[in-house]
Amino acid sequence: MNVTFMVHNGRQHIKVLVTEDMVGHKLGEFAPTRTFKGHGGKGKR
């Protein structure tokens, strides 16, 4: 299939390459809206 769509995540547009196993899902599921900064590391207690 290999079709590319531009999906808006609330802040910017993200390219999403749709493959055959993505059929039946919504495009927004593949555009993350939040960035993970990580859990506390050294010295963060």
PDB file of N, CA and C in Angstrom:
ATOM      1  N   MET A   1       0.842  -1.178   0.000  1.00  0.00           N
ATOM      2  CA  MET A   1       0.000   0.000   0.000  1.00  0.00           C
ATOM      3  C   MET A   1       0.890   1.245   0.000  1.00  0.00           C
ATOM      4  N   ASN A   2       1.659   1.492   1.049  1.00  0.00           N
ATOM      5  CA  ASN A   2       2.682   2.545   1.128  1.00  0.00           C
ATOM      6  C   ASN A   2       2.213   3.907   0.610  1.00  0.00           C
ATOM      7  N   VAL A   3       1.244   4.503   1.293  1.00  0.00           N
ATOM      8  CA  VAL A   3       0.742   5.834   0.970  1.00  0.00           C
ATOM      9  C   VAL A   3       1.121   6.757   2.126  1.00  0.00           C
ATOM     10  N   THR A   4       1.579   7.972   1.816  1.00  0.00           N
ATOM     11  CA  THR A   4       1.999   8.919   2.843  1.00  0.00           C
ATOM     12  C   THR A   4       0.947  10.006   3.025  1.00  0.00           C
ATOM     13  N   PHE A   5       0.581  10.265   4.279  1.00  0.00           N
ATOM     14  CA  PHE A   5      -0.347  11.332   4.627  1.00  0.00           C
ATOM     15  C   PHE A   5       0.343  12.277   5.590  1.00  0.00           C
ATOM     16  N   MET A   6      -0.087  13.540   5.583  1.00  0.00           N
ATOM     17  CA  MET A   6       0.362  14.509   6.569  1.00  0.00           C
ATOM     18  C   MET A   6      -0.745  14.627   7.620  1.00  0.00           C
ATOM     19  N   VAL A   7      -0.424  14.294   8.879  1.00  0.00           N
ATOM     20  CA  VAL A   7      -1.405  14.301   9.960  1.00  0.00           C
ATOM     21  C   VAL A   7      -1.028  15.385  10.950  1.00  0.00           C
ATOM     22  N   HIS A   8      -2.001  16.212  11.331  1.00  0.00           N
ATOM     23  CA  HIS A   8      -1.752  17.293  12.285  1.00  0.00           C
ATOM     24  C   HIS A   8      -1.959  16.774  13.695  1.00  0.00           C
ATOM     25  N   ASN A   9      -0.975  16.996  14.571  1.00  0.00           N
ATOM     26  CA  ASN A   9      -1.063  16.481  15.937  1.00  0.00           C
ATOM     27  C   ASN A   9      -1.417  17.575  16.945  1.00  0.00           C
ATOM     28  N   GLY A  10      -1.833  18.730  16.458  1.00  0.00           N
ATOM     29  CA  GLY A  10      -2.183  19.838  17.339  1.00  0.00           C
ATOM     30  C   GLY A  10      -1.131  20.917  17.347  1.00  0.00           C
ATOM     31  N   ARG A  11       0.070  20.593  16.899  1.00  0.00           N
ATOM     32  CA  ARG A  11       1.153  21.561  16.884  1.00  0.00           C
ATOM     33  C   ARG A  11       1.831  21.634  15.527  1.00  0.00           C
ATOM     34  N   GLN A  12       2.015  20.489  14.897  1.00  0.00           N
ATOM     35  CA  GLN A  12       2.690  20.457  13.599  1.00  0.00           C
ATOM     36  C   GLN A  12       2.161  19.292  12.777  1.00  0.00           C
ATOM     37  N   HIS A  13       2.497  19.280  11.503  1.00  0.00           N
ATOM     38  CA  HIS A  13       2.098  18.175  10.639  1.00  0.00           C
ATOM     39  C   HIS A  13       3.211  17.124  10.629  1.00  0.00           C
ATOM     40  N   ILE A  14       2.801  15.861  10.720  1.00  0.00           N
ATOM     41  CA  ILE A  14       3.742  14.753  10.762  1.00  0.00           C
ATOM     42  C   ILE A  14       3.431  13.814   9.616  1.00  0.00           C
ATOM     43  N   LYS A  15       4.477  13.370   8.904  1.00  0.00           N
ATOM     44  CA  LYS A  15       4.284  12.411   7.823  1.00  0.00           C
ATOM     45  C   LYS A  15       4.000  11.035   8.408  1.00  0.00           C
ATOM     46  N   VAL A  16       2.936  10.397   7.917  1.00  0.00           N
ATOM     47  CA  VAL A  16       2.581   9.052   8.351  1.00  0.00           C
ATOM     48  C   VAL A  16       2.543   8.175   7.111  1.00  0.00           C
ATOM     49  N   LEU A  17       3.399   7.154   7.090  1.00  0.00           N
ATOM     50  CA  LEU A  17       3.431   6.199   5.991  1.00  0.00           C
ATOM     51  C   LEU A  17       2.491   5.054   6.339  1.00  0.00           C
ATOM     52  N   VAL A  18       1.429   4.901   5.556  1.00  0.00           N
ATOM     53  CA  VAL A  18       0.410   3.887   5.829  1.00  0.00           C
ATOM     54  C   VAL A  18       0.793   2.589   5.137  1.00  0.00           C
ATOM     55  N   THR A  19       0.886   1.531   5.938  1.00  0.00           N
ATOM     56  CA  THR A  19       1.163   0.206   5.399  1.00  0.00           C
ATOM     57  C   THR A  19      -0.105  -0.646   5.527  1.00  0.00           C
ATOM     58  N   GLU A  20      -0.054  -1.852   5.025  1.00  0.00           N
ATOM     59  CA  GLU A  20      -1.252  -2.692   4.984  1.00  0.00           C
ATOM     60  C   GLU A  20      -1.762  -3.063   6.369  1.00  0.00           C
ATOM     61  N   ASP A  21      -0.886  -3.197   7.358  1.00  0.00           N
ATOM     62  CA  ASP A  21      -1.350  -3.572   8.693  1.00  0.00           C
ATOM     63  C   ASP A  21      -1.952  -2.392   9.453  1.00  0.00           C
ATOM     64  N   MET A  22      -1.885  -1.174   8.906  1.00  0.00           N
ATOM     65  CA  MET A  22      -2.494  -0.006   9.533  1.00  0.00           C
ATOM     66  C   MET A  22      -3.937   0.204   9.068  1.00  0.00           C
ATOM     67  N   VAL A  23      -4.374  -0.536   8.076  1.00  0.00           N
ATOM     68  CA  VAL A  23      -5.719  -0.368   7.538  1.00  0.00           C
ATOM     69  C   VAL A  23      -6.736  -0.720   8.615  1.00  0.00           C
ATOM     70  N   GLY A  24      -7.731   0.133   8.780  1.00  0.00           N
ATOM     71  CA  GLY A  24      -8.750  -0.073   9.806  1.00  0.00           C
ATOM     72  C   GLY A  24      -8.516   0.769  11.040  1.00  0.00           C
ATOM     73  N   HIS A  25      -7.350   1.400  11.161  1.00  0.00           N
ATOM     74  CA  HIS A  25      -7.050   2.285  12.281  1.00  0.00           C
ATOM     75  C   HIS A  25      -7.263   3.731  11.847  1.00  0.00           C
ATOM     76  N   LYS A  26      -7.363   4.623  12.816  1.00  0.00           N
ATOM     77  CA  LYS A  26      -7.467   6.047  12.518  1.00  0.00           C
ATOM     78  C   LYS A  26      -6.062   6.619  12.380  1.00  0.00           C
ATOM     79  N   LEU A  27      -5.894   7.606  11.505  1.00  0.00           N
ATOM     80  CA  LEU A  27      -4.562   8.164  11.251  1.00  0.00           C
ATOM     81  C   LEU A  27      -3.985   8.851  12.482  1.00  0.00           C
ATOM     82  N   GLY A  28      -4.830   9.405  13.330  1.00  0.00           N
ATOM     83  CA  GLY A  28      -4.354  10.090  14.525  1.00  0.00           C
ATOM     84  C   GLY A  28      -3.661   9.172  15.519  1.00  0.00           C
ATOM     85  N   GLU A  29      -3.870   7.870  15.411  1.00  0.00           N
ATOM     86  CA  GLU A  29      -3.214   6.930  16.314  1.00  0.00           C
ATOM     87  C   GLU A  29      -1.713   6.875  16.068  1.00  0.00           C
ATOM     88  N   PHE A  30      -1.275   7.299  14.903  1.00  0.00           N
ATOM     89  CA  PHE A  30       0.134   7.190  14.529  1.00  0.00           C
ATOM     90  C   PHE A  30       0.844   8.541  14.570  1.00  0.00           C
ATOM     91  N   ALA A  31       0.176   9.583  15.075  1.00  0.00           N
ATOM     92  CA  ALA A  31       0.777  10.903  15.233  1.00  0.00           C
ATOM     93  C   ALA A  31       0.786  11.235  16.721  1.00  0.00           C
ATOM     94  N   PRO A  32       1.875  10.974  17.430  1.00  0.00           N
ATOM     95  CA  PRO A  32       1.902  11.229  18.877  1.00  0.00           C
ATOM     96  C   PRO A  32       1.740  12.716  19.180  1.00  0.00           C
ATOM     97  N   THR A  33       0.959  13.011  20.210  1.00  0.00           N
ATOM     98  CA  THR A  33       0.683  14.403  20.568  1.00  0.00           C
ATOM     99  C   THR A  33       1.529  14.877  21.737  1.00  0.00           C
ATOM    100  N   ARG A  34       2.137  13.952  22.472  1.00  0.00           N
ATOM    101  CA  ARG A  34       2.926  14.327  23.644  1.00  0.00           C
ATOM    102  C   ARG A  34       4.349  13.816  23.495  1.00  0.00           C
ATOM    103  N   THR A  35       5.293  14.593  24.009  1.00  0.00           N
ATOM    104  CA  THR A  35       6.692  14.179  23.960  1.00  0.00           C
ATOM    105  C   THR A  35       7.097  13.649  25.330  1.00  0.00           C
ATOM    106  N   PHE A  36       7.777  12.530  25.354  1.00  0.00           N
ATOM    107  CA  PHE A  36       8.203  11.908  26.598  1.00  0.00           C
ATOM    108  C   PHE A  36       9.580  12.442  26.956  1.00  0.00           C
ATOM    109  N   LYS A  37       9.684  13.116  28.088  1.00  0.00           N
ATOM    110  CA  LYS A  37      10.951  13.702  28.525  1.00  0.00           C
ATOM    111  C   LYS A  37      11.750  12.747  29.396  1.00  0.00           C
ATOM    112  N   GLY A  38      11.178  11.645  29.782  1.00  0.00           N
ATOM    113  CA  GLY A  38      11.876  10.662  30.604  1.00  0.00           C
ATOM    114  C   GLY A  38      11.540  10.809  32.070  1.00  0.00           C
ATOM    115  N   HIS A  39      11.747   9.754  32.787  1.00  0.00           N
ATOM    116  CA  HIS A  39      11.538   9.768  34.225  1.00  0.00           C
ATOM    117  C   HIS A  39      12.784  10.339  34.894  1.00  0.00           C
ATOM    118  N   GLY A  40      12.695  10.546  36.184  1.00  0.00           N
ATOM    119  CA  GLY A  40      13.805  11.136  36.924  1.00  0.00           C
ATOM    120  C   GLY A  40      15.085  10.333  36.789  1.00  0.00           C
ATOM    121  N   GLY A  41      16.173  11.012  36.599  1.00  0.00           N
ATOM    122  CA  GLY A  41      17.463  10.356  36.458  1.00  0.00           C
ATOM    123  C   GLY A  41      18.294  10.536  37.723  1.00  0.00           C
ATOM    124  N   LYS A  42      19.601  10.625  37.557  1.00  0.00           N
ATOM    125  CA  LYS A  42      20.488  10.797  38.710  1.00  0.00           C
ATOM    126  C   LYS A  42      20.249  12.165  39.353  1.00  0.00           C
ATOM    127  N   GLY A  43      20.174  12.159  40.672  1.00  0.00           N
ATOM    128  CA  GLY A  43      20.041  13.408  41.409  1.00  0.00           C
ATOM    129  C   GLY A  43      18.637  13.971  41.456  1.00  0.00           C
ATOM    130  N   LYS A  44      17.664  13.305  40.922  1.00  0.00           N
ATOM    131  CA  LYS A  44      16.288  13.815  40.958  1.00  0.00           C
ATOM    132  C   LYS A  44      15.482  13.007  41.960  1.00  0.00           C
ATOM    133  N   ARG A  45      15.728  13.214  43.225  1.00  0.00           N
ATOM    134  CA  ARG A  45      14.983  12.502  44.270  1.00  0.00           C
ATOM    135  C   ARG A  45      14.327  13.476  45.190  1.00  0.00           C
TER     136      ARG A  45
END
